[in-house]
Every structure is written in C-alpha cells, then in structure tokens.
Amino acid sequence: MTGIIVGAVIISFAPILVKALSIGPTASAFYRCALGAAVLLCAARAKGAPGPGAGGKARLCAAAAGLAFSVDLFFWHRSILWIGAGTGTLLANTQVFHAALIGILLLGERLTRRFLASVPLAFLGVCLLAVRQGPSQAGDHHAAGVLCGLATGVAYAVYLTFLRNACRTAGGAQSAQTIGIASAFAALGLLVPALWEGCLSLPSGWDWLWLLLLAGGPHVCGWLLISEGLSRIPVSKAGLILLLQPTLATLWGALFYGEKLGPIQLAGAALTLTAIYLGATRQR
C-alpha cells in the first residue's frame, strides 16, 4: 500500500507538467505514452523478462488497460487545459466510485462499513475542492472541460481494473513489462486521433524537458509503484487511495499556476485526506 501512496504523490505532478507543455493535449498524451513505453520495455528486457508472466491473459489485460488509458488521457489532458490542473484531476478521480462499482459487480469484492463511510466523505471533499471562487477562467470551454473530466473518471476506473488483473496475472516482478505493454497500446490508441488532428510535429525547446519529466516521473516511476501494489489490495481501496492525487494536484495548481485555493478548498482537502485514511486502514 505504501507504493500506491508514493506513486499517487508522483502522478499528482502530471497535470502540472501537462499544463506546462505548449503542444496540444492529444500530442502530449501520445508522446508521454510512447516515451514511457520505450523506457519500460527496455528496462524489462534488461532484466531478462521473458514476457508477460502468464502469457496471453496478462498480455490481453495489459492491452485492454492501455486502450482504456488512451481514452483516459485523451479526455483528461483537455480537462486540465480547459478547467485547470486541480479541478480537472479532481473530476477524473470520480473513478473511485466507478472502481467500487466494478469491484462489487464484476470482481465479487466486499466493501466494509468503514470503506462505505469513507466514500461519501471523500465525495464531499472532492465537491468542496471543485468549488470555484470568483469568475471562471475557462470561458466557453468550462462545460466541455467538466464533461471531459467526468469521462476521464469512467475510463480511469476501467484502466485500473484491467491493470490490476494484468499485474496479478503477470506477477509483481514483471511490473515494468506490464506497464510497458499498456503504455504501448495507449500510444497506439492515441495515434489515430493525433493523426486526425495533425498534431504530431516534433516538440521543440522546453517541451522536450517537460515531456521527459512527464514520461519518466509520473508515467514510469509513479505507475510502476502503483502497479506493484495493485495486485495486493482490492481495486476499490486502490481507487480511494488514489484520491490523494487530486488533493495534491489542487495544491500544486495553486502553487505553480495561481489556481486559487480558499478556505472551502482547504476544508475539502482535509476531508479527502481523512477519507483516504479511513478507507485505507483496517478497522480494529
């Protein structure tokens, strides 16, 4: 569980780096996946990984996770640019509710009373964090940004479910290969809209630095840590722990981009962190 928490902290910087890029949202999503896949698959080969641990099933789950992640990033990067790093990430992390539903209906997971009590608390915290103070800066894109954020939440939950199954099947020792395969399929999934938009010109200047930081930090290191923990805890609990990401992303947005964080947002952050603690710890 510690790995998931540390990974959530690392991926909380992803929207900050996305917002720093001057290339379009689809191009930034494609390049982060392509670069991340290259690094991860090379690392897996250097370790002598023979392939996904259990063969076809692990490979299929990783591929499905990658395609879901391509949908996730397609909508999420737009949401970040249109309504802000903090709010876009908060809406994306409505995944916790979809993840819990998937865990109950498809995986036969049982939710404890402690977890059930933490979910509405987390929801309240996320709602408070999403409240805007003053006029919106999103202009005509505000409604579209909100819808993109909510669509991201659905795709994110599907991604986590397939990724967890791939990691459990392949084994924790092959996390780099599992995430690498998922990243490669995510890049393939993003290639079609990127070509349609004609946005795949090579980045230049500072964009290369931000892309390398985005691919090497949140995409590689962050998701490696998360994937190693996903196989050991229920997907519903993992989804709740990952609410740490939007809480921190909101703080980083306020710090780096002046996305205002008032008393209401601070209260929301405190509620969300409390919910994460309640949902991630055992009841005595």
Protein backbone atom coordinates (compact mmCIF):
# COMPACT_ATOMS: atom_id res chain seq x y z
CA MET A 1 0.00 0.00 0.00
CA THR A 2 2.95 2.31 0.62
CA GLY A 3 3.94 2.02 -3.04
CA ILE A 4 0.49 3.15 -4.18
CA ILE A 5 0.61 6.15 -1.85
CA VAL A 6 4.09 7.20 -3.07
CA GLY A 7 3.01 6.58 -6.67
CA ALA A 8 -0.08 8.76 -6.16
CA VAL A 9 2.16 11.58 -4.91
CA ILE A 10 4.37 11.27 -8.01
CA ILE A 11 1.50 11.19 -10.52
CA SER A 12 -0.03 14.25 -8.82
CA PHE A 13 2.61 16.28 -10.72
CA ALA A 14 1.36 15.02 -14.10
CA PRO A 15 -1.26 17.77 -14.67
CA ILE A 16 1.29 20.43 -13.75
CA LEU A 17 3.66 19.14 -16.43
CA VAL A 18 0.84 18.78 -18.97
CA LYS A 19 -0.14 22.38 -18.42
CA ALA A 20 3.48 23.49 -18.95
CA LEU A 21 3.56 21.97 -22.44
CA SER A 22 2.83 24.14 -25.45
CA ILE A 23 1.86 21.22 -27.71
CA GLY A 24 -1.76 20.05 -27.93
CA PRO A 25 -3.44 17.72 -25.43
CA THR A 26 -3.54 14.72 -27.78
CA ALA A 27 0.10 15.13 -28.79
CA SER A 28 1.27 15.40 -25.18
CA ALA A 29 -0.71 12.26 -24.27
CA PHE A 30 0.78 10.34 -27.23
CA TYR A 31 4.37 11.35 -26.56
CA ARG A 32 4.22 10.58 -22.84
CA CYS A 33 2.91 7.07 -23.58
CA ALA A 34 5.35 6.41 -26.41
CA LEU A 35 8.37 7.59 -24.41
CA GLY A 36 7.17 5.76 -21.30
CA ALA A 37 6.65 2.53 -23.25
CA ALA A 38 10.15 2.70 -24.72
CA VAL A 39 11.74 3.16 -21.28
CA LEU A 40 9.67 0.47 -19.58
CA LEU A 41 10.05 -2.19 -22.26
CA CYS A 42 13.80 -1.59 -22.46
CA ALA A 43 14.04 -1.89 -18.67
CA ALA A 44 12.03 -5.12 -18.76
CA ARG A 45 14.29 -6.55 -21.46
CA ALA A 46 17.39 -5.56 -19.46
CA LYS A 47 16.00 -7.54 -16.53
CA GLY A 48 15.57 -10.53 -18.79
CA ALA A 49 11.76 -10.61 -18.65
CA PRO A 50 10.61 -13.44 -20.90
CA GLY A 51 7.19 -11.89 -21.50
CA PRO A 52 4.02 -11.32 -19.51
CA GLY A 53 4.08 -13.91 -16.75
CA ALA A 54 1.04 -15.97 -17.60
CA GLY A 55 1.16 -15.44 -21.36
CA GLY A 56 -1.97 -14.48 -23.22
CA LYS A 57 -4.21 -13.45 -20.33
CA ALA A 58 -1.72 -10.97 -18.87
CA ARG A 59 -1.00 -9.59 -22.34
CA LEU A 60 -4.67 -9.10 -23.14
CA CYS A 61 -5.38 -7.41 -19.80
CA ALA A 62 -2.38 -5.09 -20.28
CA ALA A 63 -3.53 -4.24 -23.81
CA ALA A 64 -7.08 -3.52 -22.63
CA ALA A 65 -5.68 -1.36 -19.82
CA GLY A 66 -3.63 0.57 -22.37
CA LEU A 67 -6.60 1.24 -24.63
CA ALA A 68 -8.64 2.43 -21.64
CA PHE A 69 -5.72 4.65 -20.63
CA SER A 70 -5.65 6.22 -24.10
CA VAL A 71 -9.29 7.26 -23.62
CA ASP A 72 -8.45 8.46 -20.11
CA LEU A 73 -5.59 10.68 -21.31
CA PHE A 74 -7.48 11.96 -24.37
CA PHE A 75 -10.17 13.48 -22.15
CA TRP A 76 -8.03 14.28 -19.10
CA HIS A 77 -5.42 16.41 -20.89
CA ARG A 78 -8.23 18.53 -22.37
CA SER A 79 -9.86 18.90 -18.99
CA ILE A 80 -6.58 20.06 -17.44
CA LEU A 81 -6.13 22.77 -20.07
CA TRP A 82 -9.77 23.92 -20.02
CA ILE A 83 -10.66 23.97 -16.32
CA GLY A 84 -7.31 23.78 -14.54
CA ALA A 85 -4.89 21.17 -13.21
CA GLY A 86 -6.65 20.83 -9.87
CA THR A 87 -10.28 20.71 -10.95
CA GLY A 88 -9.58 18.52 -13.99
CA THR A 89 -7.77 15.99 -11.83
CA LEU A 90 -10.48 16.08 -9.19
CA LEU A 91 -13.19 15.22 -11.71
CA ALA A 92 -11.02 12.47 -13.16
CA ASN A 93 -10.82 10.89 -9.73
CA THR A 94 -14.53 10.27 -9.56
CA GLN A 95 -13.02 6.94 -10.65
CA VAL A 96 -13.24 5.85 -7.02
CA PHE A 97 -16.99 5.37 -7.33
CA HIS A 98 -16.78 3.55 -10.66
CA ALA A 99 -13.95 1.38 -9.30
CA ALA A 100 -16.05 0.42 -6.27
CA LEU A 101 -18.98 -0.47 -8.53
CA ILE A 102 -16.75 -2.60 -10.78
CA GLY A 103 -15.27 -4.28 -7.71
CA ILE A 104 -18.72 -5.24 -6.42
CA LEU A 105 -20.38 -6.28 -9.67
CA LEU A 106 -17.54 -7.95 -11.55
CA LEU A 107 -14.87 -8.93 -9.04
CA GLY A 108 -17.01 -10.03 -6.12
CA GLU A 109 -15.32 -7.65 -3.69
CA ARG A 110 -16.96 -6.91 -0.36
CA LEU A 111 -16.92 -3.37 0.93
CA THR A 112 -16.51 -2.86 4.67
CA ARG A 113 -18.64 -0.41 6.62
CA ARG A 114 -15.52 1.65 7.21
CA PHE A 115 -14.97 1.95 3.45
CA LEU A 116 -18.63 2.73 2.79
CA ALA A 117 -18.46 5.51 5.38
CA SER A 118 -15.32 6.93 3.79
CA VAL A 119 -16.77 7.17 0.24
CA PRO A 120 -19.39 9.91 0.92
CA LEU A 121 -16.79 11.75 2.99
CA ALA A 122 -14.40 11.60 0.05
CA PHE A 123 -17.17 12.71 -2.32
CA LEU A 124 -17.91 15.72 -0.13
CA GLY A 125 -14.22 16.58 -0.01
CA VAL A 126 -13.91 16.37 -3.79
CA CYS A 127 -17.01 18.55 -4.24
CA LEU A 128 -15.59 21.20 -1.92
CA LEU A 129 -12.28 21.10 -3.76
CA ALA A 130 -14.06 21.60 -7.09
CA VAL A 131 -15.86 24.78 -5.94
CA ARG A 132 -14.60 27.84 -7.81
CA GLN A 133 -14.07 31.16 -6.11
CA GLY A 134 -14.72 34.15 -8.32
CA PRO A 135 -15.37 34.10 -12.09
CA SER A 136 -14.41 31.04 -14.12
CA GLN A 137 -11.31 31.28 -16.29
CA ALA A 138 -12.40 28.51 -18.63
CA GLY A 139 -14.64 30.65 -20.83
CA ASP A 140 -16.63 28.69 -23.39
CA HIS A 141 -14.71 25.51 -22.57
CA HIS A 142 -15.86 25.22 -18.97
CA ALA A 143 -18.79 22.86 -19.59
CA ALA A 144 -16.75 20.78 -22.04
CA GLY A 145 -13.91 20.60 -19.52
CA VAL A 146 -16.24 19.32 -16.81
CA LEU A 147 -17.67 16.66 -19.14
CA CYS A 148 -14.16 15.61 -20.17
CA GLY A 149 -13.18 15.30 -16.53
CA LEU A 150 -16.16 13.06 -15.77
CA ALA A 151 -15.48 10.92 -18.86
CA THR A 152 -11.91 10.54 -17.65
CA GLY A 153 -13.20 9.11 -14.37
CA VAL A 154 -15.02 6.28 -16.15
CA ALA A 155 -12.03 5.40 -18.35
CA TYR A 156 -9.67 5.66 -15.36
CA ALA A 157 -11.67 3.10 -13.37
CA VAL A 158 -11.67 0.67 -16.32
CA TYR A 159 -7.92 1.20 -16.73
CA LEU A 160 -7.25 0.44 -13.06
CA THR A 161 -9.37 -2.71 -13.19
CA PHE A 162 -7.60 -4.18 -16.22
CA LEU A 163 -4.19 -3.06 -14.96
CA ARG A 164 -4.78 -4.77 -11.61
CA ASN A 165 -5.76 -8.01 -13.35
CA ALA A 166 -2.69 -7.81 -15.60
CA CYS A 167 -0.38 -7.22 -12.64
CA ARG A 168 -1.89 -10.07 -10.61
CA THR A 169 -1.60 -12.46 -13.55
CA ALA A 170 1.91 -11.46 -14.62
CA GLY A 171 3.32 -11.04 -11.12
CA GLY A 172 4.88 -8.05 -9.41
CA ALA A 173 8.35 -8.88 -10.73
CA GLN A 174 7.17 -8.05 -14.25
CA SER A 175 5.52 -4.71 -13.49
CA ALA A 176 7.80 -2.85 -15.91
CA GLN A 177 6.79 -5.11 -18.78
CA THR A 178 3.10 -4.96 -17.87
CA ILE A 179 3.06 -1.15 -17.71
CA GLY A 180 5.23 -1.02 -20.83
CA ILE A 181 2.72 -3.07 -22.84
CA ALA A 182 -0.15 -0.95 -21.51
CA SER A 183 1.75 2.22 -22.45
CA ALA A 184 2.46 0.94 -25.96
CA PHE A 185 -1.23 0.19 -26.55
CA ALA A 186 -2.16 3.56 -25.07
CA ALA A 187 0.17 5.24 -27.56
CA LEU A 188 -1.42 3.23 -30.38
CA GLY A 189 -4.88 4.24 -29.18
CA LEU A 190 -3.86 7.91 -29.20
CA LEU A 191 -2.14 7.72 -32.59
CA VAL A 192 -5.41 7.75 -34.54
CA PRO A 193 -6.84 10.99 -33.07
CA ALA A 194 -3.36 12.55 -33.14
CA LEU A 195 -3.02 11.85 -36.87
CA TRP A 196 -6.59 13.06 -37.43
CA GLU A 197 -5.76 16.34 -35.70
CA GLY A 198 -2.40 16.62 -37.48
CA CYS A 199 -0.64 17.49 -34.23
CA LEU A 200 2.33 15.10 -34.23
CA SER A 201 5.04 17.56 -35.19
CA LEU A 202 8.18 17.08 -33.14
CA PRO A 203 8.28 19.08 -29.88
CA SER A 204 10.94 21.73 -29.51
CA GLY A 205 12.66 23.73 -26.80
CA TRP A 206 11.36 23.35 -23.27
CA ASP A 207 8.65 20.94 -24.38
CA TRP A 208 11.22 18.14 -24.57
CA LEU A 209 12.19 18.71 -20.94
CA TRP A 210 8.57 18.71 -19.76
CA LEU A 211 7.81 15.59 -21.81
CA LEU A 212 10.83 13.72 -20.43
CA LEU A 213 9.86 14.68 -16.89
CA LEU A 214 6.24 13.66 -17.54
CA ALA A 215 7.20 10.31 -19.07
CA GLY A 216 9.98 9.48 -16.63
CA GLY A 217 8.29 10.69 -13.45
CA PRO A 218 4.50 10.18 -13.29
CA HIS A 219 4.22 7.77 -16.21
CA VAL A 220 7.14 5.43 -15.44
CA CYS A 221 8.06 5.78 -11.77
CA GLY A 222 4.60 6.66 -10.50
CA TRP A 223 2.71 3.90 -12.30
CA LEU A 224 5.39 1.30 -11.58
CA LEU A 225 4.93 1.89 -7.86
CA ILE A 226 1.15 1.83 -8.19
CA SER A 227 1.10 -1.32 -10.30
CA GLU A 228 3.20 -3.25 -7.79
CA GLY A 229 0.63 -2.52 -5.08
CA LEU A 230 -2.49 -3.04 -7.20
CA SER A 231 -2.13 -6.82 -7.16
CA ARG A 232 -2.23 -6.94 -3.37
CA ILE A 233 -5.26 -4.80 -2.45
CA PRO A 234 -8.88 -4.53 -3.71
CA VAL A 235 -9.44 -2.21 -6.67
CA SER A 236 -11.97 -0.23 -4.62
CA LYS A 237 -9.38 0.54 -1.94
CA ALA A 238 -6.74 1.39 -4.55
CA GLY A 239 -9.17 3.82 -6.17
CA LEU A 240 -9.75 5.53 -2.84
CA ILE A 241 -6.03 5.85 -2.07
CA LEU A 242 -5.50 7.43 -5.49
CA LEU A 243 -7.73 10.31 -4.38
CA LEU A 244 -4.51 11.59 -2.86
CA GLN A 245 -3.56 12.59 -6.42
CA PRO A 246 -6.28 15.23 -6.99
CA THR A 247 -5.80 16.63 -3.50
CA LEU A 248 -2.12 17.27 -4.17
CA ALA A 249 -2.72 18.32 -7.78
CA THR A 250 -5.04 21.05 -6.50
CA LEU A 251 -2.31 22.25 -4.17
CA TRP A 252 0.29 22.21 -6.96
CA GLY A 253 -2.10 24.09 -9.26
CA ALA A 254 -2.46 26.81 -6.67
CA LEU A 255 1.29 26.94 -6.09
CA PHE A 256 2.56 26.88 -9.69
CA TYR A 257 -0.30 28.39 -11.69
CA GLY A 258 -2.14 30.56 -9.22
CA GLU A 259 -5.28 28.40 -9.23
CA LYS A 260 -6.84 29.90 -6.14
CA LEU A 261 -7.26 27.70 -3.10
CA GLY A 262 -9.54 29.22 -0.47
CA PRO A 263 -10.88 28.01 2.89
CA ILE A 264 -13.51 25.83 1.18
CA GLN A 265 -10.86 24.04 -0.90
CA LEU A 266 -8.62 23.57 2.13
CA ALA A 267 -11.53 22.01 4.00
CA GLY A 268 -12.14 19.73 1.02
CA ALA A 269 -8.50 18.64 1.02
CA ALA A 270 -8.69 17.82 4.72
CA LEU A 271 -11.90 15.80 4.24
CA THR A 272 -10.44 13.88 1.29
CA LEU A 273 -7.28 13.00 3.18
CA THR A 274 -9.37 11.83 6.14
CA ALA A 275 -11.45 9.64 3.81
CA ILE A 276 -8.30 8.15 2.33
CA TYR A 277 -7.02 7.28 5.80
CA LEU A 278 -10.32 5.70 6.84
CA GLY A 279 -10.68 3.71 3.64
CA ALA A 280 -7.07 2.55 3.50
CA THR A 281 -6.68 1.37 7.10
CA ARG A 282 -8.18 -1.62 8.81
CA GLN A 283 -10.85 -1.30 11.49
CA ARG A 284 -9.77 -2.76 14.81
